[in-house]
C-alpha atoms as a PDB file:
ATOM      1  CA  UNK A   1       2.553  -1.682  92.748  1.00  0.00           C
ATOM      2  CA  UNK A   2       5.696  -1.966  90.726  1.00  0.00           C
ATOM      3  CA  UNK A   3       6.918   0.810  88.508  1.00  0.00           C
ATOM      4  CA  UNK A   4       9.427   0.190  85.669  1.00  0.00           C
ATOM      5  CA  UNK A   5      10.625   2.910  83.296  1.00  0.00           C
ATOM      6  CA  UNK A   6       9.712   2.202  79.716  1.00  0.00           C
ATOM      7  CA  UNK A   7      10.155   5.088  77.329  1.00  0.00           C
ATOM      8  CA  UNK A   8       8.036   3.426  74.626  1.00  0.00           C
ATOM      9  CA  UNK A   9       4.978   3.754  76.923  1.00  0.00           C
ATOM     10  CA  UNK A  10       5.137   7.439  77.106  1.00  0.00           C
ATOM     11  CA  UNK A  11       4.558   9.374  73.931  1.00  0.00           C
ATOM     12  CA  UNK A  12       3.381  12.912  74.268  1.00  0.00           C
ATOM     13  CA  UNK A  13       0.202  13.962  72.578  1.00  0.00           C
ATOM     14  CA  UNK A  14      -0.062  17.696  72.544  1.00  0.00           C
ATOM     15  CA  UNK A  15      -3.394  19.408  71.805  1.00  0.00           C
ATOM     16  CA  UNK A  16      -2.982  21.066  68.440  1.00  0.00           C
ATOM     17  CA  UNK A  17      -5.778  23.458  67.478  1.00  0.00           C
ATOM     18  CA  UNK A  18      -6.825  22.578  63.921  1.00  0.00           C
ATOM     19  CA  UNK A  19      -3.897  20.083  63.565  1.00  0.00           C
ATOM     20  CA  UNK A  20      -4.677  17.168  65.849  1.00  0.00           C
ATOM     21  CA  UNK A  21      -4.881  13.881  63.910  1.00  0.00           C
ATOM     22  CA  UNK A  22      -8.315  12.238  64.464  1.00  0.00           C
ATOM     23  CA  UNK A  23     -10.155   9.066  63.465  1.00  0.00           C
ATOM     24  CA  UNK A  24     -13.644   9.664  62.133  1.00  0.00           C
ATOM     25  CA  UNK A  25     -16.137   7.232  63.650  1.00  0.00           C
ATOM     26  CA  UNK A  26     -19.904   7.062  63.698  1.00  0.00           C
ATOM     27  CA  UNK A  27     -20.005   9.007  66.948  1.00  0.00           C
ATOM     28  CA  UNK A  28     -17.807  11.806  65.567  1.00  0.00           C
ATOM     29  CA  UNK A  29     -14.209  12.722  65.557  1.00  0.00           C
ATOM     30  CA  UNK A  30     -12.079  10.612  67.909  1.00  0.00           C
ATOM     31  CA  UNK A  31      -8.727  11.427  69.170  1.00  0.00           C
ATOM     32  CA  UNK A  32      -6.336   8.536  69.394  1.00  0.00           C
ATOM     33  CA  UNK A  33      -4.370   8.377  72.585  1.00  0.00           C
ATOM     34  CA  UNK A  34      -0.842   7.092  72.448  1.00  0.00           C
ATOM     35  CA  UNK A  35       1.135   5.501  75.414  1.00  0.00           C
ATOM     36  CA  UNK A  36       3.434   8.069  77.141  1.00  0.00           C
ATOM     37  CA  UNK A  37       7.050   8.014  77.001  1.00  0.00           C
ATOM     38  CA  UNK A  38       9.265   9.269  73.999  1.00  0.00           C
ATOM     39  CA  UNK A  39       8.854  12.777  72.732  1.00  0.00           C
ATOM     40  CA  UNK A  40       6.977  13.331  69.520  1.00  0.00           C
ATOM     41  CA  UNK A  41       8.179  16.415  67.649  1.00  0.00           C
ATOM     42  CA  UNK A  42       5.248  18.607  66.843  1.00  0.00           C
ATOM     43  CA  UNK A  43       4.730  22.135  65.495  1.00  0.00           C
ATOM     44  CA  UNK A  44       3.191  23.285  68.885  1.00  0.00           C
ATOM     45  CA  UNK A  45       4.829  22.697  72.209  1.00  0.00           C
ATOM     46  CA  UNK A  46       2.467  22.420  75.206  1.00  0.00           C
ATOM     47  CA  UNK A  47       3.279  24.261  78.289  1.00  0.00           C
ATOM     48  CA  UNK A  48       2.700  23.025  81.899  1.00  0.00           C
ATOM     49  CA  UNK A  49       1.027  25.068  84.496  1.00  0.00           C
ATOM     50  CA  UNK A  50       3.673  27.105  86.263  1.00  0.00           C
ATOM     51  CA  UNK A  51       4.878  25.995  89.639  1.00  0.00           C
ATOM     52  CA  UNK A  52       5.300  28.198  92.662  1.00  0.00           C
ATOM     53  CA  UNK A  53       8.980  27.639  92.601  1.00  0.00           C
ATOM     54  CA  UNK A  54      10.950  28.930  89.675  1.00  0.00           C
ATOM     55  CA  UNK A  55      12.127  26.269  87.201  1.00  0.00           C
ATOM     56  CA  UNK A  56      15.680  25.201  87.405  1.00  0.00           C
ATOM     57  CA  UNK A  57      17.549  24.495  84.311  1.00  0.00           C
ATOM     58  CA  UNK A  58      20.611  22.233  84.670  1.00  0.00           C
ATOM     59  CA  UNK A  59      23.264  24.632  83.330  1.00  0.00           C
ATOM     60  CA  UNK A  60      24.265  27.371  83.136  1.00  0.00           C
ATOM     61  CA  UNK A  61      21.421  29.440  84.400  1.00  0.00           C
ATOM     62  CA  UNK A  62      19.700  27.599  87.207  1.00  0.00           C
ATOM     63  CA  UNK A  63      16.732  29.959  87.247  1.00  0.00           C
ATOM     64  CA  UNK A  64      15.324  29.962  83.768  1.00  0.00           C
ATOM     65  CA  UNK A  65      11.951  28.318  83.562  1.00  0.00           C
ATOM     66  CA  UNK A  66      11.475  25.109  81.676  1.00  0.00           C
ATOM     67  CA  UNK A  67       8.245  23.630  80.422  1.00  0.00           C
ATOM     68  CA  UNK A  68       6.949  20.164  80.792  1.00  0.00           C
ATOM     69  CA  UNK A  69       6.928  19.118  77.115  1.00  0.00           C
ATOM     70  CA  UNK A  70       5.637  15.567  77.530  1.00  0.00           C
ATOM     71  CA  UNK A  71       3.478  13.463  79.800  1.00  0.00           C
ATOM     72  CA  UNK A  72       5.245  11.478  82.560  1.00  0.00           C
ATOM     73  CA  UNK A  73       6.696   8.069  82.443  1.00  0.00           C
ATOM     74  CA  UNK A  74       6.146   5.311  84.950  1.00  0.00           C
ATOM     75  CA  UNK A  75       8.805   5.426  87.667  1.00  0.00           C
ATOM     76  CA  UNK A  76      10.896   2.641  89.061  1.00  0.00           C
ATOM     77  CA  UNK A  77       9.297   2.692  92.491  1.00  0.00           C
ATOM     78  CA  UNK A  78       8.996  -0.601  94.561  1.00  0.00           C
ATOM     79  CA  UNK A  79       5.820  -2.467  95.324  1.00  0.00           C
ATOM     80  CA  UNK A  80       3.827  -0.467  97.721  1.00  0.00           C
ATOM     81  CA  UNK A  81       0.258  -1.472  98.646  1.00  0.00           C
ATOM     82  CA  UNK A  82      -1.264   0.649 101.404  1.00  0.00           C
ATOM     83  CA  UNK A  83      -4.259  -0.401 103.471  1.00  0.00           C
ATOM     84  CA  UNK A  84      -6.337   2.302 102.013  1.00  0.00           C
ATOM     85  CA  UNK A  85      -5.411   1.278  98.571  1.00  0.00           C
ATOM     86  CA  UNK A  86      -6.245  -2.377  99.176  1.00  0.00           C
ATOM     87  CA  UNK A  87      -9.636  -1.422 100.642  1.00  0.00           C
ATOM     88  CA  UNK A  88     -10.416   0.798  97.880  1.00  0.00           C
ATOM     89  CA  UNK A  89      -9.674  -1.846  95.317  1.00  0.00           C
ATOM     90  CA  UNK A  90     -12.124  -4.143  97.122  1.00  0.00           C
ATOM     91  CA  UNK A  91     -14.909  -1.619  97.099  1.00  0.00           C
ATOM     92  CA  UNK A  92     -14.548  -0.078  93.564  1.00  0.00           C
ATOM     93  CA  UNK A  93     -16.673  -1.994  91.007  1.00  0.00           C
ATOM     94  CA  UNK A  94     -16.042  -2.191  87.351  1.00  0.00           C
ATOM     95  CA  UNK A  95     -16.763   1.013  85.459  1.00  0.00           C
ATOM     96  CA  UNK A  96     -20.298   1.456  84.168  1.00  0.00           C
ATOM     97  CA  UNK A  97     -20.696   2.200  80.555  1.00  0.00           C
ATOM     98  CA  UNK A  98     -22.222   5.640  80.964  1.00  0.00           C
ATOM     99  CA  UNK A  99     -19.359   6.861  83.223  1.00  0.00           C
ATOM    100  CA  UNK A 100     -16.771   5.196  80.896  1.00  0.00           C
ATOM    101  CA  UNK A 101     -18.382   7.240  78.050  1.00  0.00           C
ATOM    102  CA  UNK A 102     -18.051  10.425  80.048  1.00  0.00           C
ATOM    103  CA  UNK A 103     -14.412   9.878  80.693  1.00  0.00           C
ATOM    104  CA  UNK A 104     -13.835   8.948  76.994  1.00  0.00           C
ATOM    105  CA  UNK A 105     -15.687  12.169  75.954  1.00  0.00           C
ATOM    106  CA  UNK A 106     -13.077  14.258  78.032  1.00  0.00           C
ATOM    107  CA  UNK A 107     -10.253  12.775  75.972  1.00  0.00           C
ATOM    108  CA  UNK A 108     -11.845  12.943  72.535  1.00  0.00           C
ATOM    109  CA  UNK A 109     -12.077  16.620  71.680  1.00  0.00           C
ATOM    110  CA  UNK A 110     -12.794  17.929  68.272  1.00  0.00           C
ATOM    111  CA  UNK A 111      -9.904  19.065  65.946  1.00  0.00           C
ATOM    112  CA  UNK A 112     -10.732  22.723  66.582  1.00  0.00           C
ATOM    113  CA  UNK A 113     -11.731  23.893  70.112  1.00  0.00           C
ATOM    114  CA  UNK A 114     -14.400  26.654  70.075  1.00  0.00           C
ATOM    115  CA  UNK A 115     -15.844  28.404  73.090  1.00  0.00           C
ATOM    116  CA  UNK A 116     -18.947  26.191  72.730  1.00  0.00           C
ATOM    117  CA  UNK A 117     -16.939  23.096  72.598  1.00  0.00           C
ATOM    118  CA  UNK A 118     -14.913  24.227  75.650  1.00  0.00           C
ATOM    119  CA  UNK A 119     -18.190  24.866  77.531  1.00  0.00           C
ATOM    120  CA  UNK A 120     -19.508  21.327  76.607  1.00  0.00           C
ATOM    121  CA  UNK A 121     -16.212  19.817  77.831  1.00  0.00           C
ATOM    122  CA  UNK A 122     -16.567  21.509  81.163  1.00  0.00           C
ATOM    123  CA  UNK A 123     -20.156  20.434  81.364  1.00  0.00           C
ATOM    124  CA  UNK A 124     -19.097  16.873  80.868  1.00  0.00           C
ATOM    125  CA  UNK A 125     -16.405  17.108  83.488  1.00  0.00           C
ATOM    126  CA  UNK A 126     -19.025  18.532  86.020  1.00  0.00           C
ATOM    127  CA  UNK A 127     -21.426  15.691  85.088  1.00  0.00           C
ATOM    128  CA  UNK A 128     -18.709  13.232  85.835  1.00  0.00           C
ATOM    129  CA  UNK A 129     -17.987  14.880  89.188  1.00  0.00           C
ATOM    130  CA  UNK A 130     -21.771  14.729  89.988  1.00  0.00           C
ATOM    131  CA  UNK A 131     -21.743  11.015  89.505  1.00  0.00           C
ATOM    132  CA  UNK A 132     -19.596  10.878  92.610  1.00  0.00           C
ATOM    133  CA  UNK A 133     -18.170   7.544  93.752  1.00  0.00           C
ATOM    134  CA  UNK A 134     -19.878   5.833  90.802  1.00  0.00           C
ATOM    135  CA  UNK A 135     -17.475   7.578  88.483  1.00  0.00           C
ATOM    136  CA  UNK A 136     -14.393   6.486  90.290  1.00  0.00           C
ATOM    137  CA  UNK A 137     -13.941   3.094  88.601  1.00  0.00           C
ATOM    138  CA  UNK A 138     -13.967   4.688  85.198  1.00  0.00           C
ATOM    139  CA  UNK A 139     -11.522   7.447  86.370  1.00  0.00           C
ATOM    140  CA  UNK A 140      -9.231   4.887  87.984  1.00  0.00           C
ATOM    141  CA  UNK A 141      -9.342   2.823  84.693  1.00  0.00           C
ATOM    142  CA  UNK A 142      -8.252   5.873  82.616  1.00  0.00           C
ATOM    143  CA  UNK A 143      -5.518   6.887  85.146  1.00  0.00           C
ATOM    144  CA  UNK A 144      -4.122   3.312  85.123  1.00  0.00           C
ATOM    145  CA  UNK A 145      -3.770   3.375  81.401  1.00  0.00           C
ATOM    146  CA  UNK A 146      -0.899   5.841  81.796  1.00  0.00           C
ATOM    147  CA  UNK A 147      -2.001   8.016  78.905  1.00  0.00           C
ATOM    148  CA  UNK A 148      -2.678  11.832  78.750  1.00  0.00           C
ATOM    149  CA  UNK A 149      -3.830  14.573  76.514  1.00  0.00           C
ATOM    150  CA  UNK A 150      -1.988  17.818  76.834  1.00  0.00           C
ATOM    151  CA  UNK A 151      -4.206  20.813  76.035  1.00  0.00           C
ATOM    152  CA  UNK A 152      -1.389  23.252  75.271  1.00  0.00           C
ATOM    153  CA  UNK A 153      -1.436  26.897  76.343  1.00  0.00           C
ATOM    154  CA  UNK A 154      -4.584  27.846  74.383  1.00  0.00           C
ATOM    155  CA  UNK A 155      -6.594  24.917  75.415  1.00  0.00           C
ATOM    156  CA  UNK A 156      -5.444  25.169  79.043  1.00  0.00           C
ATOM    157  CA  UNK A 157      -6.728  28.674  79.111  1.00  0.00           C
ATOM    158  CA  UNK A 158     -10.110  27.733  77.702  1.00  0.00           C
ATOM    159  CA  UNK A 159     -10.553  24.539  79.704  1.00  0.00           C
ATOM    160  CA  UNK A 160      -8.925  25.476  83.011  1.00  0.00           C
ATOM    161  CA  UNK A 161      -6.581  22.507  83.022  1.00  0.00           C
ATOM    162  CA  UNK A 162      -3.293  21.620  81.455  1.00  0.00           C
ATOM    163  CA  UNK A 163      -4.247  18.123  80.524  1.00  0.00           C
ATOM    164  CA  UNK A 164      -7.003  15.500  80.978  1.00  0.00           C
ATOM    165  CA  UNK A 165      -5.131  13.968  83.885  1.00  0.00           C
ATOM    166  CA  UNK A 166      -4.922  17.184  85.694  1.00  0.00           C
ATOM    167  CA  UNK A 167      -8.672  17.507  85.292  1.00  0.00           C
ATOM    168  CA  UNK A 168      -9.137  13.949  86.571  1.00  0.00           C
ATOM    169  CA  UNK A 169      -6.972  14.534  89.635  1.00  0.00           C
ATOM    170  CA  UNK A 170      -8.993  17.684  90.427  1.00  0.00           C
ATOM    171  CA  UNK A 171     -12.208  15.750  90.012  1.00  0.00           C
ATOM    172  CA  UNK A 172     -10.952  13.148  92.465  1.00  0.00           C
ATOM    173  CA  UNK A 173     -10.404  15.812  94.986  1.00  0.00           C
ATOM    174  CA  UNK A 174     -13.914  17.224  94.414  1.00  0.00           C
ATOM    175  CA  UNK A 175     -15.505  13.845  94.726  1.00  0.00           C
ATOM    176  CA  UNK A 176     -13.617  12.952  97.847  1.00  0.00           C
ATOM    177  CA  UNK A 177     -14.295  10.049 100.260  1.00  0.00           C
ATOM    178  CA  UNK A 178     -12.330   6.880 100.948  1.00  0.00           C
ATOM    179  CA  UNK A 179     -12.736   5.398  97.417  1.00  0.00           C
ATOM    180  CA  UNK A 180     -11.321   8.587  95.868  1.00  0.00           C
ATOM    181  CA  UNK A 181      -8.516   8.558  98.340  1.00  0.00           C
ATOM    182  CA  UNK A 182      -7.740   5.041  97.308  1.00  0.00           C
ATOM    183  CA  UNK A 183      -7.582   6.076  93.568  1.00  0.00           C
ATOM    184  CA  UNK A 184      -5.296   8.972  94.531  1.00  0.00           C
ATOM    185  CA  UNK A 185      -2.987   6.631  96.450  1.00  0.00           C
ATOM    186  CA  UNK A 186      -2.794   4.126  93.545  1.00  0.00           C
ATOM    187  CA  UNK A 187      -1.961   6.926  91.181  1.00  0.00           C
ATOM    188  CA  UNK A 188       0.672   8.355  93.550  1.00  0.00           C
ATOM    189  CA  UNK A 189       2.272   4.953  93.759  1.00  0.00           C
ATOM    190  CA  UNK A 190       2.597   4.665  89.951  1.00  0.00           C
ATOM    191  CA  UNK A 191       3.169   8.281  88.683  1.00  0.00           C
ATOM    192  CA  UNK A 192       6.683   9.859  88.397  1.00  0.00           C
ATOM    193  CA  UNK A 193       5.430  13.155  87.055  1.00  0.00           C
ATOM    194  CA  UNK A 194       6.434  15.963  89.422  1.00  0.00           C
ATOM    195  CA  UNK A 195       3.326  17.953  88.855  1.00  0.00           C
ATOM    196  CA  UNK A 196       1.002  15.000  89.478  1.00  0.00           C
ATOM    197  CA  UNK A 197       2.956  13.999  92.614  1.00  0.00           C
ATOM    198  CA  UNK A 198       2.525  17.584  93.965  1.00  0.00           C
ATOM    199  CA  UNK A 199      -1.152  17.745  93.084  1.00  0.00           C
ATOM    200  CA  UNK A 200      -1.906  14.354  94.756  1.00  0.00           C
ATOM    201  CA  UNK A 201       0.173  15.207  97.912  1.00  0.00           C
ATOM    202  CA  UNK A 202      -2.061  18.375  98.270  1.00  0.00           C
ATOM    203  CA  UNK A 203      -5.222  16.560  97.479  1.00  0.00           C
ATOM    204  CA  UNK A 204      -4.542  13.701  99.943  1.00  0.00           C
ATOM    205  CA  UNK A 205      -3.581  16.179 102.658  1.00  0.00           C
ATOM    206  CA  UNK A 206      -6.851  17.994 102.272  1.00  0.00           C
ATOM    207  CA  UNK A 207      -8.761  14.757 102.418  1.00  0.00           C
ATOM    208  CA  UNK A 208      -6.830  13.471 105.476  1.00  0.00           C
ATOM    209  CA  UNK A 209      -4.432  16.004 106.990  1.00  0.00           C
ATOM    210  CA  UNK A 210      -0.960  14.665 107.574  1.00  0.00           C
ATOM    211  CA  UNK A 211      -2.116  10.980 107.191  1.00  0.00           C
ATOM    212  CA  UNK A 212      -0.575  10.345 103.724  1.00  0.00           C
ATOM    213  CA  UNK A 213       2.494  12.609 103.847  1.00  0.00           C
ATOM    214  CA  UNK A 214       4.911   9.651 104.069  1.00  0.00           C
ATOM    215  CA  UNK A 215       3.633   8.295 100.913  1.00  0.00           C
ATOM    216  CA  UNK A 216       4.002  11.702  99.331  1.00  0.00           C
ATOM    217  CA  UNK A 217       7.446  12.190 100.508  1.00  0.00           C
ATOM    218  CA  UNK A 218       8.531   8.601  99.440  1.00  0.00           C
ATOM    219  CA  UNK A 219       7.052   9.340  95.952  1.00  0.00           C
ATOM    220  CA  UNK A 220       8.953  12.569  95.856  1.00  0.00           C
ATOM    221  CA  UNK A 221      12.269  10.942  96.799  1.00  0.00           C
ATOM    222  CA  UNK A 222      11.987   8.243  94.251  1.00  0.00           C
ATOM    223  CA  UNK A 223      11.020  10.729  91.507  1.00  0.00           C
ATOM    224  CA  UNK A 224      14.053  12.914  92.436  1.00  0.00           C
ATOM    225  CA  UNK A 225      16.256   9.826  92.291  1.00  0.00           C
ATOM    226  CA  UNK A 226      14.972   9.152  88.795  1.00  0.00           C
ATOM    227  CA  UNK A 227      15.529  12.708  87.734  1.00  0.00           C
ATOM    228  CA  UNK A 228      19.112  12.680  89.109  1.00  0.00           C
ATOM    229  CA  UNK A 229      19.705   9.595  86.924  1.00  0.00           C
ATOM    230  CA  UNK A 230      18.321  11.415  83.935  1.00  0.00           C
ATOM    231  CA  UNK A 231      15.220   9.219  83.635  1.00  0.00           C
ATOM    232  CA  UNK A 232      12.523  12.002  83.697  1.00  0.00           C
ATOM    233  CA  UNK A 233      13.801  13.433  80.396  1.00  0.00           C
ATOM    234  CA  UNK A 234      14.395  16.999  81.815  1.00  0.00           C
ATOM    235  CA  UNK A 235      10.973  17.501  83.413  1.00  0.00           C
ATOM    236  CA  UNK A 236      10.714  20.346  85.825  1.00  0.00           C
ATOM    237  CA  UNK A 237      11.321  19.021  89.355  1.00  0.00           C
ATOM    238  CA  UNK A 238      10.192  22.206  91.121  1.00  0.00           C
ATOM    239  CA  UNK A 239       6.854  20.624  92.284  1.00  0.00           C
ATOM    240  CA  UNK A 240       8.866  17.916  94.055  1.00  0.00           C
ATOM    241  CA  UNK A 241      10.712  20.490  96.142  1.00  0.00           C
ATOM    242  CA  UNK A 242       7.360  22.115  97.047  1.00  0.00           C
ATOM    243  CA  UNK A 243       6.299  18.676  98.413  1.00  0.00           C
ATOM    244  CA  UNK A 244       9.477  18.319 100.468  1.00  0.00           C
ATOM    245  CA  UNK A 245       9.100  21.923 101.718  1.00  0.00           C
ATOM    246  CA  UNK A 246       5.453  21.776 102.628  1.00  0.00           C
ATOM    247  CA  UNK A 247       5.035  18.252 103.862  1.00  0.00           C
ATOM    248  CA  UNK A 248       8.519  17.079 104.847  1.00  0.00           C
ATOM    249  CA  UNK A 249       9.310  19.677 107.514  1.00  0.00           C
ATOM    250  CA  UNK A 250      12.763  19.419 109.229  1.00  0.00           C
ATOM    251  CA  UNK A 251      12.970  15.778 108.245  1.00  0.00           C
ATOM    252  CA  UNK A 252      13.413  16.805 104.628  1.00  0.00           C
ATOM    253  CA  UNK A 253      16.519  18.744 105.226  1.00  0.00           C
ATOM    254  CA  UNK A 254      18.887  15.799 104.446  1.00  0.00           C
ATOM    255  CA  UNK A 255      16.943  15.330 101.122  1.00  0.00           C
ATOM    256  CA  UNK A 256      17.321  18.987 100.256  1.00  0.00           C
ATOM    257  CA  UNK A 257      21.032  19.119 101.135  1.00  0.00           C
ATOM    258  CA  UNK A 258      21.585  15.984  98.977  1.00  0.00           C
ATOM    259  CA  UNK A 259      19.598  17.552  96.115  1.00  0.00           C
ATOM    260  CA  UNK A 260      21.508  20.890  96.391  1.00  0.00           C
ATOM    261  CA  UNK A 261      24.390  19.365  94.360  1.00  0.00           C
ATOM    262  CA  UNK A 262      22.134  19.148  91.260  1.00  0.00           C
ATOM    263  CA  UNK A 263      19.314  21.567  91.922  1.00  0.00           C
ATOM    264  CA  UNK A 264      21.073  24.354  93.823  1.00  0.00           C
ATOM    265  CA  UNK A 265      18.496  27.070  93.614  1.00  0.00           C
ATOM    266  CA  UNK A 266      15.488  24.789  94.296  1.00  0.00           C
ATOM    267  CA  UNK A 267      17.204  23.205  97.293  1.00  0.00           C
ATOM    268  CA  UNK A 268      18.273  26.555  98.739  1.00  0.00           C
ATOM    269  CA  UNK A 269      14.976  28.196  98.349  1.00  0.00           C
ATOM    270  CA  UNK A 270      13.142  25.240  99.967  1.00  0.00           C
ATOM    271  CA  UNK A 271      15.558  25.157 102.867  1.00  0.00           C
ATOM    272  CA  UNK A 272      14.962  28.973 103.363  1.00  0.00           C
ATOM    273  CA  UNK A 273      11.112  28.481 103.308  1.00  0.00           C
ATOM    274  CA  UNK A 274      10.924  25.541 105.746  1.00  0.00           C
ATOM    275  CA  UNK A 275       8.708  26.449 108.692  1.00  0.00           C
ATOM    276  CA  UNK A 276      10.310  27.989 111.777  1.00  0.00           C
ATOM    277  CA  UNK A 277      13.635  28.676 110.077  1.00  0.00           C
ATOM    278  CA  UNK A 278      14.462  24.840 110.324  1.00  0.00           C
ATOM    279  CA  UNK A 279      16.492  24.936 107.078  1.00  0.00           C
ATOM    280  CA  UNK A 280      18.631  28.037 108.007  1.00  0.00           C
ATOM    281  CA  UNK A 281      21.415  26.148 109.694  1.00  0.00           C
ATOM    282  CA  UNK A 282      21.729  23.990 106.666  1.00  0.00           C
ATOM    283  CA  UNK A 283      22.000  27.144 104.562  1.00  0.00           C
ATOM    284  CA  UNK A 284      24.621  28.593 106.819  1.00  0.00           C
ATOM    285  CA  UNK A 285      26.588  25.406 106.384  1.00  0.00           C
ATOM    286  CA  UNK A 286      26.197  25.512 102.642  1.00  0.00           C
ATOM    287  CA  UNK A 287      27.524  29.253 102.717  1.00  0.00           C
ATOM    288  CA  UNK A 288      30.541  28.160 104.915  1.00  0.00           C
ATOM    289  CA  UNK A 289      31.550  25.188 102.702  1.00  0.00           C
ATOM    290  CA  UNK A 290      34.977  25.918 101.368  1.00  0.00           C
ATOM    291  CA  UNK A 291      34.019  24.142  98.067  1.00  0.00           C
ATOM    292  CA  UNK A 292      30.757  25.980  97.886  1.00  0.00           C
ATOM    293  CA  UNK A 293      31.946  28.366  95.199  1.00  0.00           C
ATOM    294  CA  UNK A 294      33.271  25.476  93.045  1.00  0.00           C
ATOM    295  CA  UNK A 295      30.020  23.478  93.448  1.00  0.00           C
ATOM    296  CA  UNK A 296      27.929  26.468  92.689  1.00  0.00           C
ATOM    297  CA  UNK A 297      25.985  26.254  96.010  1.00  0.00           C
ATOM    298  CA  UNK A 298      27.570  29.343  97.585  1.00  0.00           C
ATOM    299  CA  UNK A 299      25.708  31.971  95.556  1.00  0.00           C
ATOM    300  CA  UNK A 300      22.294  30.210  96.058  1.00  0.00           C
ATOM    301  CA  UNK A 301      22.900  29.903  99.815  1.00  0.00           C
ATOM    302  CA  UNK A 302      23.990  33.524 100.287  1.00  0.00           C
ATOM    303  CA  UNK A 303      21.036  34.780  98.267  1.00  0.00           C
ATOM    304  CA  UNK A 304      18.494  32.823 100.295  1.00  0.00           C
ATOM    305  CA  UNK A 305      20.096  33.837 103.692  1.00  0.00           C
ATOM    306  CA  UNK A 306      19.919  37.499 102.584  1.00  0.00           C
ATOM    307  CA  UNK A 307      16.189  36.924 101.827  1.00  0.00           C
ATOM    308  CA  UNK A 308      15.297  35.486 105.208  1.00  0.00           C
ATOM    309  CA  UNK A 309      17.681  37.673 107.328  1.00  0.00           C
ATOM    310  CA  UNK A 310      15.084  40.238 108.155  1.00  0.00           C
ATOM    311  CA  UNK A 311      12.761  37.558 109.548  1.00  0.00           C
ATOM    312  CA  UNK A 312      15.420  36.158 111.898  1.00  0.00           C
ATOM    313  CA  UNK A 313      17.346  39.008 113.197  1.00  0.00           C
ATOM    314  CA  UNK A 314      18.504  37.163 116.363  1.00  0.00           C
ATOM    315  CA  UNK A 315      20.545  34.774 114.116  1.00  0.00           C
ATOM    316  CA  UNK A 316      22.827  37.627 112.947  1.00  0.00           C
ATOM    317  CA  UNK A 317      22.504  36.660 109.378  1.00  0.00           C
ATOM    318  CA  UNK A 318      24.434  38.828 106.869  1.00  0.00           C
END
């Protein structure tokens, strides 16, 4: 599946309570979805669900938290068709009209979100999940459209998800099975959003422990490469470092060392938290680097070494 970056495809649609533009149809108020890409200036900024790692701003303070202010663009990843993906495409049928209507209902909220409407939205999501594998074609169809509806902080609190896509990804995990795994893999191969990559990596690992870690690591590397080139529009890459840390193991050390030049704090923190202290030698090398102070990696390395020193007394860390 080929990914090409097109900023025109990705226009953020935040969830504005009482301000969302809607089209009135016979079935009620419908919310138009726009392709994702360029940022639309709005009165209310949506906030992403916080990652476990602190958000790292480029300069000057690498530890101030950023928020994901727009849905993700498609990435520039090469064609990748896994066996599971091909099998899933063969088995998944065209969406049925009832399941398609259920999916559409989740992305067409009213202009004002009340408690009753939030409860109804949750009921529809649960109904979609209860459909099981029968719902997957409609869910795949929606995810392939590369659009999203961001609920904003208030909507997220009421609905339990930051966006429609986040809800769909969780629904895939709950449905489970080979067909759901296939949809997850297809989405992983086309998304460049750090949050989605991390969510999909976790879900795939729950469905089939360790089996799809290479795909998750590849997706992470490619998204980081896009971010390094400024093609993710300042999105928080913290979730990508979580993927490297949790699923990459010692093999991710070169990736973290390379990323330390641009994301010093994230890289140092992930190295410090690798299992069995695998990243500590790399941190020590960062601390010993004569150019570390000028590059800004020295402080991050020393701070992380100080944190892990009590856990590894035999290493004689400062």
